[in-house]
Amino acid sequence: MPTFFVASEAIVPPTVRITGPLLQHLRGSLRLQPGELLTVTDERGTRYRAEIAEISSGTLIGRILDTTSAPPKTSPSIVLAQSLLKGERWTGSFKKPQN
C-alpha cells in the first residue's frame, strides 16, 4: 500500500481524519473499507500506520496503530539545466549544407 500525504492538522492522536480529494481517491479509486490499513505521512516526515475505523461521504477516520519516522533519502538531489545559445550559434550547427 502506498503512503499518502496529509497535513499535520489532520492528525490528532489517536486518530487521523482525511477529507477532500484524498478521501475521494481512497473511497472511489482504491475502494478502501473500514478495517483496512492505511499509511499516511505529514510534512514533518512522520509516518502513521492506521486502521480505518469509519468512512463516510465526507470523512475518513483512522485509528493510529503506530508511528515511525520516514526513512532518510538515499539518493542525492539532482538538478539538470540546459543553456540555450543565442541566434546563429544555436541554429548554425543544424543548417543543411548548400549544394
PDB file of N, CA and C in Angstrom:
ATOM      1  N   MET A   1       0.849  -1.174   0.000  1.00  0.00           N
ATOM      2  CA  MET A   1       0.000   0.000   0.000  1.00  0.00           C
ATOM      3  C   MET A   1       0.891   1.232   0.000  1.00  0.00           C
ATOM      4  N   PRO A   2       0.607   2.204  -0.849  1.00  0.00           N
ATOM      5  CA  PRO A   2       1.416   3.421  -0.882  1.00  0.00           C
ATOM      6  C   PRO A   2       1.192   4.289   0.360  1.00  0.00           C
ATOM      7  N   THR A   3       2.082   5.244   0.543  1.00  0.00           N
ATOM      8  CA  THR A   3       1.968   6.200   1.638  1.00  0.00           C
ATOM      9  C   THR A   3       1.346   7.474   1.098  1.00  0.00           C
ATOM     10  N   PHE A   4       0.362   8.020   1.804  1.00  0.00           N
ATOM     11  CA  PHE A   4      -0.343   9.213   1.360  1.00  0.00           C
ATOM     12  C   PHE A   4       0.017  10.388   2.252  1.00  0.00           C
ATOM     13  N   PHE A   5       0.109  11.577   1.655  1.00  0.00           N
ATOM     14  CA  PHE A   5       0.453  12.790   2.387  1.00  0.00           C
ATOM     15  C   PHE A   5      -0.805  13.434   2.945  1.00  0.00           C
ATOM     16  N   VAL A   6      -0.751  13.804   4.215  1.00  0.00           N
ATOM     17  CA  VAL A   6      -1.823  14.576   4.847  1.00  0.00           C
ATOM     18  C   VAL A   6      -1.184  15.712   5.639  1.00  0.00           C
ATOM     19  N   ALA A   7      -1.917  16.786   5.824  1.00  0.00           N
ATOM     20  CA  ALA A   7      -1.428  17.910   6.627  1.00  0.00           C
ATOM     21  C   ALA A   7      -1.385  17.490   8.091  1.00  0.00           C
ATOM     22  N   SER A   8      -0.465  18.080   8.849  1.00  0.00           N
ATOM     23  CA  SER A   8      -0.329  17.694  10.261  1.00  0.00           C
ATOM     24  C   SER A   8      -1.582  18.027  11.066  1.00  0.00           C
ATOM     25  N   GLU A   9      -2.402  18.978  10.590  1.00  0.00           N
ATOM     26  CA  GLU A   9      -3.645  19.315  11.286  1.00  0.00           C
ATOM     27  C   GLU A   9      -4.641  18.156  11.231  1.00  0.00           C
ATOM     28  N   ALA A  10      -4.498  17.266  10.252  1.00  0.00           N
ATOM     29  CA  ALA A  10      -5.408  16.124  10.107  1.00  0.00           C
ATOM     30  C   ALA A  10      -5.100  15.014  11.107  1.00  0.00           C
ATOM     31  N   ILE A  11      -3.955  15.120  11.767  1.00  0.00           N
ATOM     32  CA  ILE A  11      -3.538  14.066  12.700  1.00  0.00           C
ATOM     33  C   ILE A  11      -3.659  14.590  14.128  1.00  0.00           C
ATOM     34  N   VAL A  12      -4.593  14.010  14.849  1.00  0.00           N
ATOM     35  CA  VAL A  12      -4.779  14.325  16.264  1.00  0.00           C
ATOM     36  C   VAL A  12      -4.806  12.977  16.975  1.00  0.00           C
ATOM     37  N   PRO A  13      -3.626  12.543  17.487  1.00  0.00           N
ATOM     38  CA  PRO A  13      -3.572  11.214  18.097  1.00  0.00           C
ATOM     39  C   PRO A  13      -4.690  11.025  19.107  1.00  0.00           C
ATOM     40  N   PRO A  14      -5.350   9.925  19.070  1.00  0.00           N
ATOM     41  CA  PRO A  14      -5.032   8.660  18.410  1.00  0.00           C
ATOM     42  C   PRO A  14      -5.724   8.466  17.055  1.00  0.00           C
ATOM     43  N   THR A  15      -6.138   9.570  16.391  1.00  0.00           N
ATOM     44  CA  THR A  15      -6.842   9.418  15.119  1.00  0.00           C
ATOM     45  C   THR A  15      -6.230  10.274  14.017  1.00  0.00           C
ATOM     46  N   VAL A  16      -6.542   9.900  12.790  1.00  0.00           N
ATOM     47  CA  VAL A  16      -6.218  10.701  11.616  1.00  0.00           C
ATOM     48  C   VAL A  16      -7.535  10.906  10.876  1.00  0.00           C
ATOM     49  N   ARG A  17      -7.789  12.144  10.441  1.00  0.00           N
ATOM     50  CA  ARG A  17      -9.037  12.486   9.771  1.00  0.00           C
ATOM     51  C   ARG A  17      -8.703  12.973   8.364  1.00  0.00           C
ATOM     52  N   ILE A  18      -9.248  12.293   7.357  1.00  0.00           N
ATOM     53  CA  ILE A  18      -8.968  12.617   5.957  1.00  0.00           C
ATOM     54  C   ILE A  18     -10.250  13.091   5.284  1.00  0.00           C
ATOM     55  N   THR A  19     -10.153  14.229   4.563  1.00  0.00           N
ATOM     56  CA  THR A  19     -11.278  14.775   3.817  1.00  0.00           C
ATOM     57  C   THR A  19     -10.787  15.218   2.441  1.00  0.00           C
ATOM     58  N   GLY A  20     -11.676  15.718   1.633  1.00  0.00           N
ATOM     59  CA  GLY A  20     -11.311  16.322   0.352  1.00  0.00           C
ATOM     60  C   GLY A  20     -10.934  15.327  -0.733  1.00  0.00           C
ATOM     61  N   PRO A  21     -10.055  15.766  -1.653  1.00  0.00           N
ATOM     62  CA  PRO A  21      -9.692  14.926  -2.801  1.00  0.00           C
ATOM     63  C   PRO A  21      -9.040  13.597  -2.425  1.00  0.00           C
ATOM     64  N   LEU A  22      -8.241  13.577  -1.359  1.00  0.00           N
ATOM     65  CA  LEU A  22      -7.624  12.320  -0.944  1.00  0.00           C
ATOM     66  C   LEU A  22      -8.695  11.324  -0.498  1.00  0.00           C
ATOM     67  N   LEU A  23      -9.699  11.798   0.209  1.00  0.00           N
ATOM     68  CA  LEU A  23     -10.798  10.925   0.620  1.00  0.00           C
ATOM     69  C   LEU A  23     -11.496  10.353  -0.607  1.00  0.00           C
ATOM     70  N   GLN A  24     -11.753  11.196  -1.601  1.00  0.00           N
ATOM     71  CA  GLN A  24     -12.422  10.720  -2.813  1.00  0.00           C
ATOM     72  C   GLN A  24     -11.597   9.639  -3.505  1.00  0.00           C
ATOM     73  N   HIS A  25     -10.272   9.818  -3.518  1.00  0.00           N
ATOM     74  CA  HIS A  25      -9.387   8.822  -4.125  1.00  0.00           C
ATOM     75  C   HIS A  25      -9.420   7.503  -3.345  1.00  0.00           C
ATOM     76  N   LEU A  26      -9.342   7.607  -2.033  1.00  0.00           N
ATOM     77  CA  LEU A  26      -9.324   6.409  -1.197  1.00  0.00           C
ATOM     78  C   LEU A  26     -10.656   5.654  -1.277  1.00  0.00           C
ATOM     79  N   ARG A  27     -11.756   6.398  -1.297  1.00  0.00           N
ATOM     80  CA  ARG A  27     -13.080   5.764  -1.367  1.00  0.00           C
ATOM     81  C   ARG A  27     -13.406   5.278  -2.769  1.00  0.00           C
ATOM     82  N   GLY A  28     -13.212   6.167  -3.768  1.00  0.00           N
ATOM     83  CA  GLY A  28     -13.641   5.864  -5.119  1.00  0.00           C
ATOM     84  C   GLY A  28     -12.692   4.965  -5.891  1.00  0.00           C
ATOM     85  N   SER A  29     -11.416   5.327  -5.939  1.00  0.00           N
ATOM     86  CA  SER A  29     -10.457   4.567  -6.737  1.00  0.00           C
ATOM     87  C   SER A  29      -9.962   3.309  -6.029  1.00  0.00           C
ATOM     88  N   LEU A  30      -9.541   3.463  -4.793  1.00  0.00           N
ATOM     89  CA  LEU A  30      -8.968   2.330  -4.068  1.00  0.00           C
ATOM     90  C   LEU A  30     -10.028   1.503  -3.334  1.00  0.00           C
ATOM     91  N   ARG A  31     -11.214   2.057  -3.178  1.00  0.00           N
ATOM     92  CA  ARG A  31     -12.349   1.365  -2.548  1.00  0.00           C
ATOM     93  C   ARG A  31     -11.995   0.799  -1.167  1.00  0.00           C
ATOM     94  N   LEU A  32     -11.318   1.628  -0.364  1.00  0.00           N
ATOM     95  CA  LEU A  32     -10.957   1.191   0.988  1.00  0.00           C
ATOM     96  C   LEU A  32     -12.201   1.108   1.860  1.00  0.00           C
ATOM     97  N   GLN A  33     -12.189   0.173   2.780  1.00  0.00           N
ATOM     98  CA  GLN A  33     -13.321  -0.090   3.673  1.00  0.00           C
ATOM     99  C   GLN A  33     -12.836  -0.073   5.124  1.00  0.00           C
ATOM    100  N   PRO A  34     -13.758   0.100   6.077  1.00  0.00           N
ATOM    101  CA  PRO A  34     -13.373   0.014   7.494  1.00  0.00           C
ATOM    102  C   PRO A  34     -12.679  -1.317   7.793  1.00  0.00           C
ATOM    103  N   GLY A  35     -11.634  -1.233   8.597  1.00  0.00           N
ATOM    104  CA  GLY A  35     -10.860  -2.414   8.960  1.00  0.00           C
ATOM    105  C   GLY A  35      -9.573  -2.545   8.160  1.00  0.00           C
ATOM    106  N   GLU A  36      -9.477  -1.868   7.009  1.00  0.00           N
ATOM    107  CA  GLU A  36      -8.259  -1.943   6.199  1.00  0.00           C
ATOM    108  C   GLU A  36      -7.196  -0.992   6.746  1.00  0.00           C
ATOM    109  N   LEU A  37      -5.937  -1.290   6.433  1.00  0.00           N
ATOM    110  CA  LEU A  37      -4.821  -0.488   6.910  1.00  0.00           C
ATOM    111  C   LEU A  37      -4.453   0.584   5.890  1.00  0.00           C
ATOM    112  N   LEU A  38      -3.930   1.689   6.401  1.00  0.00           N
ATOM    113  CA  LEU A  38      -3.586   2.852   5.596  1.00  0.00           C
ATOM    114  C   LEU A  38      -2.321   3.466   6.179  1.00  0.00           C
ATOM    115  N   THR A  39      -1.409   3.905   5.328  1.00  0.00           N
ATOM    116  CA  THR A  39      -0.197   4.587   5.788  1.00  0.00           C
ATOM    117  C   THR A  39      -0.214   6.018   5.284  1.00  0.00           C
ATOM    118  N   VAL A  40      -0.062   6.970   6.202  1.00  0.00           N
ATOM    119  CA  VAL A  40      -0.029   8.392   5.846  1.00  0.00           C
ATOM    120  C   VAL A  40       1.223   9.014   6.436  1.00  0.00           C
ATOM    121  N   THR A  41       1.635  10.131   5.850  1.00  0.00           N
ATOM    122  CA  THR A  41       2.784  10.875   6.364  1.00  0.00           C
ATOM    123  C   THR A  41       2.439  12.358   6.375  1.00  0.00           C
ATOM    124  N   ASP A  42       3.078  13.099   7.260  1.00  0.00           N
ATOM    125  CA  ASP A  42       2.854  14.541   7.317  1.00  0.00           C
ATOM    126  C   ASP A  42       4.106  15.281   6.870  1.00  0.00           C
ATOM    127  N   GLU A  43       4.043  16.621   6.888  1.00  0.00           N
ATOM    128  CA  GLU A  43       5.169  17.420   6.396  1.00  0.00           C
ATOM    129  C   GLU A  43       6.398  17.338   7.293  1.00  0.00           C
ATOM    130  N   ARG A  44       6.252  16.832   8.490  1.00  0.00           N
ATOM    131  CA  ARG A  44       7.400  16.659   9.390  1.00  0.00           C
ATOM    132  C   ARG A  44       8.156  15.358   9.119  1.00  0.00           C
ATOM    133  N   GLY A  45       7.606  14.522   8.225  1.00  0.00           N
ATOM    134  CA  GLY A  45       8.269  13.271   7.892  1.00  0.00           C
ATOM    135  C   GLY A  45       7.904  12.122   8.808  1.00  0.00           C
ATOM    136  N   THR A  46       6.846  12.281   9.579  1.00  0.00           N
ATOM    137  CA  THR A  46       6.394  11.207  10.456  1.00  0.00           C
ATOM    138  C   THR A  46       5.389  10.351   9.712  1.00  0.00           C
ATOM    139  N   ARG A  47       5.561   9.039   9.788  1.00  0.00           N
ATOM    140  CA  ARG A  47       4.631   8.110   9.145  1.00  0.00           C
ATOM    141  C   ARG A  47       3.720   7.494  10.196  1.00  0.00           C
ATOM    142  N   TYR A  48       2.467   7.370   9.815  1.00  0.00           N
ATOM    143  CA  TYR A  48       1.462   6.800  10.701  1.00  0.00           C
ATOM    144  C   TYR A  48       0.807   5.617   9.993  1.00  0.00           C
ATOM    145  N   ARG A  49       0.761   4.477  10.662  1.00  0.00           N
ATOM    146  CA  ARG A  49       0.014   3.334  10.142  1.00  0.00           C
ATOM    147  C   ARG A  49      -1.291   3.317  10.910  1.00  0.00           C
ATOM    148  N   ALA A  50      -2.395   3.368  10.154  1.00  0.00           N
ATOM    149  CA  ALA A  50      -3.708   3.484  10.790  1.00  0.00           C
ATOM    150  C   ALA A  50      -4.673   2.453  10.229  1.00  0.00           C
ATOM    151  N   GLU A  51      -5.620   2.075  11.053  1.00  0.00           N
ATOM    152  CA  GLU A  51      -6.704   1.194  10.638  1.00  0.00           C
ATOM    153  C   GLU A  51      -7.936   2.064  10.430  1.00  0.00           C
ATOM    154  N   ILE A  52      -8.597   1.907   9.297  1.00  0.00           N
ATOM    155  CA  ILE A  52      -9.782   2.713   9.016  1.00  0.00           C
ATOM    156  C   ILE A  52     -10.888   2.285   9.966  1.00  0.00           C
ATOM    157  N   ALA A  53     -11.343   3.243  10.779  1.00  0.00           N
ATOM    158  CA  ALA A  53     -12.398   2.960  11.751  1.00  0.00           C
ATOM    159  C   ALA A  53     -13.764   3.294  11.168  1.00  0.00           C
ATOM    160  N   GLU A  54     -13.808   4.368  10.388  1.00  0.00           N
ATOM    161  CA  GLU A  54     -15.094   4.847   9.875  1.00  0.00           C
ATOM    162  C   GLU A  54     -14.853   5.593   8.576  1.00  0.00           C
ATOM    163  N   ILE A  55     -15.721   5.402   7.608  1.00  0.00           N
ATOM    164  CA  ILE A  55     -15.593   6.111   6.337  1.00  0.00           C
ATOM    165  C   ILE A  55     -16.994   6.505   5.877  1.00  0.00           C
ATOM    166  N   SER A  56     -17.136   7.795   5.561  1.00  0.00           N
ATOM    167  CA  SER A  56     -18.422   8.296   5.085  1.00  0.00           C
ATOM    168  C   SER A  56     -18.176   9.115   3.824  1.00  0.00           C
ATOM    169  N   SER A  57     -19.210   9.755   3.309  1.00  0.00           N
ATOM    170  CA  SER A  57     -19.050  10.532   2.081  1.00  0.00           C
ATOM    171  C   SER A  57     -18.180  11.765   2.292  1.00  0.00           C
ATOM    172  N   GLY A  58     -18.034  12.237   3.530  1.00  0.00           N
ATOM    173  CA  GLY A  58     -17.258  13.452   3.776  1.00  0.00           C
ATOM    174  C   GLY A  58     -15.996  13.283   4.585  1.00  0.00           C
ATOM    175  N   THR A  59     -15.829  12.160   5.273  1.00  0.00           N
ATOM    176  CA  THR A  59     -14.698  11.999   6.185  1.00  0.00           C
ATOM    177  C   THR A  59     -14.279  10.537   6.307  1.00  0.00           C
ATOM    178  N   LEU A  60     -12.970  10.342   6.418  1.00  0.00           N
ATOM    179  CA  LEU A  60     -12.409   9.044   6.773  1.00  0.00           C
ATOM    180  C   LEU A  60     -11.719   9.230   8.113  1.00  0.00           C
ATOM    181  N   ILE A  61     -12.025   8.384   9.066  1.00  0.00           N
ATOM    182  CA  ILE A  61     -11.379   8.441  10.375  1.00  0.00           C
ATOM    183  C   ILE A  61     -10.616   7.143  10.562  1.00  0.00           C
ATOM    184  N   GLY A  62      -9.315   7.292  10.835  1.00  0.00           N
ATOM    185  CA  GLY A  62      -8.467   6.132  11.068  1.00  0.00           C
ATOM    186  C   GLY A  62      -7.905   6.142  12.469  1.00  0.00           C
ATOM    187  N   ARG A  63      -7.774   4.975  13.056  1.00  0.00           N
ATOM    188  CA  ARG A  63      -7.184   4.813  14.385  1.00  0.00           C
ATOM    189  C   ARG A  63      -5.703   4.520  14.207  1.00  0.00           C
ATOM    190  N   ILE A  64      -4.846   5.387  14.731  1.00  0.00           N
ATOM    191  CA  ILE A  64      -3.395   5.242  14.578  1.00  0.00           C
ATOM    192  C   ILE A  64      -2.913   4.037  15.375  1.00  0.00           C
ATOM    193  N   LEU A  65      -2.229   3.118  14.674  1.00  0.00           N
ATOM    194  CA  LEU A  65      -1.694   1.919  15.311  1.00  0.00           C
ATOM    195  C   LEU A  65      -0.250   2.096  15.743  1.00  0.00           C
ATOM    196  N   ASP A  66       0.560   2.718  14.881  1.00  0.00           N
ATOM    197  CA  ASP A  66       1.951   3.003  15.251  1.00  0.00           C
ATOM    198  C   ASP A  66       2.480   4.181  14.439  1.00  0.00           C
ATOM    199  N   THR A  67       3.574   4.725  14.959  1.00  0.00           N
ATOM    200  CA  THR A  67       4.194   5.915  14.380  1.00  0.00           C
ATOM    201  C   THR A  67       5.672   5.644  14.172  1.00  0.00           C
ATOM    202  N   THR A  68       6.198   6.021  13.002  1.00  0.00           N
ATOM    203  CA  THR A  68       7.627   5.889  12.716  1.00  0.00           C
ATOM    204  C   THR A  68       8.105   7.126  11.981  1.00  0.00           C
ATOM    205  N   SER A  69       9.412   7.297  11.942  1.00  0.00           N
ATOM    206  CA  SER A  69       9.999   8.376  11.148  1.00  0.00           C
ATOM    207  C   SER A  69      10.162   7.894   9.716  1.00  0.00           C
ATOM    208  N   ALA A  70      10.020   8.812   8.784  1.00  0.00           N
ATOM    209  CA  ALA A  70      10.206   8.453   7.377  1.00  0.00           C
ATOM    210  C   ALA A  70      11.672   8.084   7.163  1.00  0.00           C
ATOM    211  N   PRO A  71      11.950   7.134   6.274  1.00  0.00           N
ATOM    212  CA  PRO A  71      13.338   6.769   6.026  1.00  0.00           C
ATOM    213  C   PRO A  71      14.093   7.932   5.384  1.00  0.00           C
ATOM    214  N   PRO A  72      15.385   8.071   5.696  1.00  0.00           N
ATOM    215  CA  PRO A  72      16.154   9.167   5.098  1.00  0.00           C
ATOM    216  C   PRO A  72      16.320   8.951   3.599  1.00  0.00           C
ATOM    217  N   LYS A  73      16.481  10.065   2.889  1.00  0.00           N
ATOM    218  CA  LYS A  73      16.709   9.968   1.449  1.00  0.00           C
ATOM    219  C   LYS A  73      18.066   9.327   1.201  1.00  0.00           C
ATOM    220  N   THR A  74      18.095   8.380   0.279  1.00  0.00           N
ATOM    221  CA  THR A  74      19.347   7.685  -0.005  1.00  0.00           C
ATOM    222  C   THR A  74      20.001   8.175  -1.285  1.00  0.00           C
ATOM    223  N   SER A  75      19.277   8.895  -2.104  1.00  0.00           N
ATOM    224  CA  SER A  75      19.868   9.371  -3.355  1.00  0.00           C
ATOM    225  C   SER A  75      20.016  10.892  -3.299  1.00  0.00           C
ATOM    226  N   PRO A  76      21.041  11.409  -3.936  1.00  0.00           N
ATOM    227  CA  PRO A  76      21.247  12.859  -3.926  1.00  0.00           C
ATOM    228  C   PRO A  76      20.223  13.550  -4.826  1.00  0.00           C
ATOM    229  N   SER A  77      19.955  14.798  -4.519  1.00  0.00           N
ATOM    230  CA  SER A  77      19.088  15.602  -5.378  1.00  0.00           C
ATOM    231  C   SER A  77      19.883  16.062  -6.576  1.00  0.00           C
ATOM    232  N   ILE A  78      19.306  15.948  -7.749  1.00  0.00           N
ATOM    233  CA  ILE A  78      19.987  16.347  -8.979  1.00  0.00           C
ATOM    234  C   ILE A  78      19.106  17.337  -9.721  1.00  0.00           C
ATOM    235  N   VAL A  79      19.709  18.432 -10.167  1.00  0.00           N
ATOM    236  CA  VAL A  79      19.007  19.416 -10.973  1.00  0.00           C
ATOM    237  C   VAL A  79      19.723  19.506 -12.310  1.00  0.00           C
ATOM    238  N   LEU A  80      18.983  19.271 -13.396  1.00  0.00           N
ATOM    239  CA  LEU A  80      19.547  19.367 -14.734  1.00  0.00           C
ATOM    240  C   LEU A  80      19.081  20.663 -15.376  1.00  0.00           C
ATOM    241  N   ALA A  81      19.971  21.314 -16.092  1.00  0.00           N
ATOM    242  CA  ALA A  81      19.619  22.550 -16.786  1.00  0.00           C
ATOM    243  C   ALA A  81      20.338  22.575 -18.129  1.00  0.00           C
ATOM    244  N   GLN A  82      19.747  23.263 -19.093  1.00  0.00           N
ATOM    245  CA  GLN A  82      20.359  23.393 -20.409  1.00  0.00           C
ATOM    246  C   GLN A  82      20.470  24.862 -20.729  1.00  0.00           C
ATOM    247  N   SER A  83      21.618  25.233 -21.209  1.00  0.00           N
ATOM    248  CA  SER A  83      21.846  26.602 -21.613  1.00  0.00           C
ATOM    249  C   SER A  83      21.562  26.711 -23.112  1.00  0.00           C
ATOM    250  N   LEU A  84      20.775  27.688 -23.491  1.00  0.00           N
ATOM    251  CA  LEU A  84      20.470  27.892 -24.903  1.00  0.00           C
ATOM    252  C   LEU A  84      21.367  29.000 -25.464  1.00  0.00           C
ATOM    253  N   LEU A  85      21.912  28.763 -26.632  1.00  0.00           N
ATOM    254  CA  LEU A  85      22.761  29.749 -27.278  1.00  0.00           C
ATOM    255  C   LEU A  85      21.910  30.726 -28.076  1.00  0.00           C
ATOM    256  N   LYS A  86      22.425  31.940 -28.259  1.00  0.00           N
ATOM    257  CA  LYS A  86      21.690  32.962 -28.985  1.00  0.00           C
ATOM    258  C   LYS A  86      21.844  32.807 -30.497  1.00  0.00           C
ATOM    259  N   GLY A  87      20.835  33.208 -31.197  1.00  0.00           N
ATOM    260  CA  GLY A  87      20.844  33.384 -32.638  1.00  0.00           C
ATOM    261  C   GLY A  87      21.493  32.295 -33.464  1.00  0.00           C
ATOM    262  N   GLU A  88      22.438  32.690 -34.326  1.00  0.00           N
ATOM    263  CA  GLU A  88      23.073  31.798 -35.299  1.00  0.00           C
ATOM    264  C   GLU A  88      23.909  30.706 -34.629  1.00  0.00           C
ATOM    265  N   ARG A  89      24.428  30.950 -33.496  1.00  0.00           N
ATOM    266  CA  ARG A  89      25.222  29.917 -32.820  1.00  0.00           C
ATOM    267  C   ARG A  89      24.360  28.682 -32.549  1.00  0.00           C
ATOM    268  N   TRP A  90      23.109  28.895 -32.222  1.00  0.00           N
ATOM    269  CA  TRP A  90      22.211  27.787 -31.928  1.00  0.00           C
ATOM    270  C   TRP A  90      21.748  27.100 -33.201  1.00  0.00           C
ATOM    271  N   THR A  91      21.318  27.869 -34.173  1.00  0.00           N
ATOM    272  CA  THR A  91      20.765  27.282 -35.393  1.00  0.00           C
ATOM    273  C   THR A  91      21.836  26.964 -36.416  1.00  0.00           C
ATOM    274  N   GLY A  92      23.011  27.556 -36.276  1.00  0.00           N
ATOM    275  CA  GLY A  92      24.062  27.363 -37.276  1.00  0.00           C
ATOM    276  C   GLY A  92      24.512  25.924 -37.421  1.00  0.00           C
ATOM    277  N   SER A  93      24.546  25.188 -36.356  1.00  0.00           N
ATOM    278  CA  SER A  93      25.023  23.813 -36.426  1.00  0.00           C
ATOM    279  C   SER A  93      23.988  22.864 -37.019  1.00  0.00           C
ATOM    280  N   PHE A  94      22.744  23.337 -37.182  1.00  0.00           N
ATOM    281  CA  PHE A  94      21.682  22.497 -37.711  1.00  0.00           C
ATOM    282  C   PHE A  94      21.329  22.805 -39.159  1.00  0.00           C
ATOM    283  N   LYS A  95      22.040  23.740 -39.777  1.00  0.00           N
ATOM    284  CA  LYS A  95      21.728  24.106 -41.147  1.00  0.00           C
ATOM    285  C   LYS A  95      22.143  23.002 -42.108  1.00  0.00           C
ATOM    286  N   LYS A  96      21.322  22.805 -43.117  1.00  0.00           N
ATOM    287  CA  LYS A  96      21.650  21.816 -44.137  1.00  0.00           C
ATOM    288  C   LYS A  96      22.741  22.383 -45.051  1.00  0.00           C
ATOM    289  N   PRO A  97      23.652  21.539 -45.510  1.00  0.00           N
ATOM    290  CA  PRO A  97      24.702  22.033 -46.425  1.00  0.00           C
ATOM    291  C   PRO A  97      24.068  22.435 -47.768  1.00  0.00           C
ATOM    292  N   GLN A  98      24.544  23.527 -48.315  1.00  0.00           N
ATOM    293  CA  GLN A  98      24.020  24.001 -49.599  1.00  0.00           C
ATOM    294  C   GLN A  98      24.792  23.358 -50.742  1.00  0.00           C
ATOM    295  N   ASN A  99      24.093  22.967 -51.784  1.00  0.00           N
ATOM    296  CA  ASN A  99      24.717  22.329 -52.955  1.00  0.00           C
ATOM    297  C   ASN A  99      24.969  23.302 -54.035  1.00  0.00           C
TER     298      ASN A  99
END
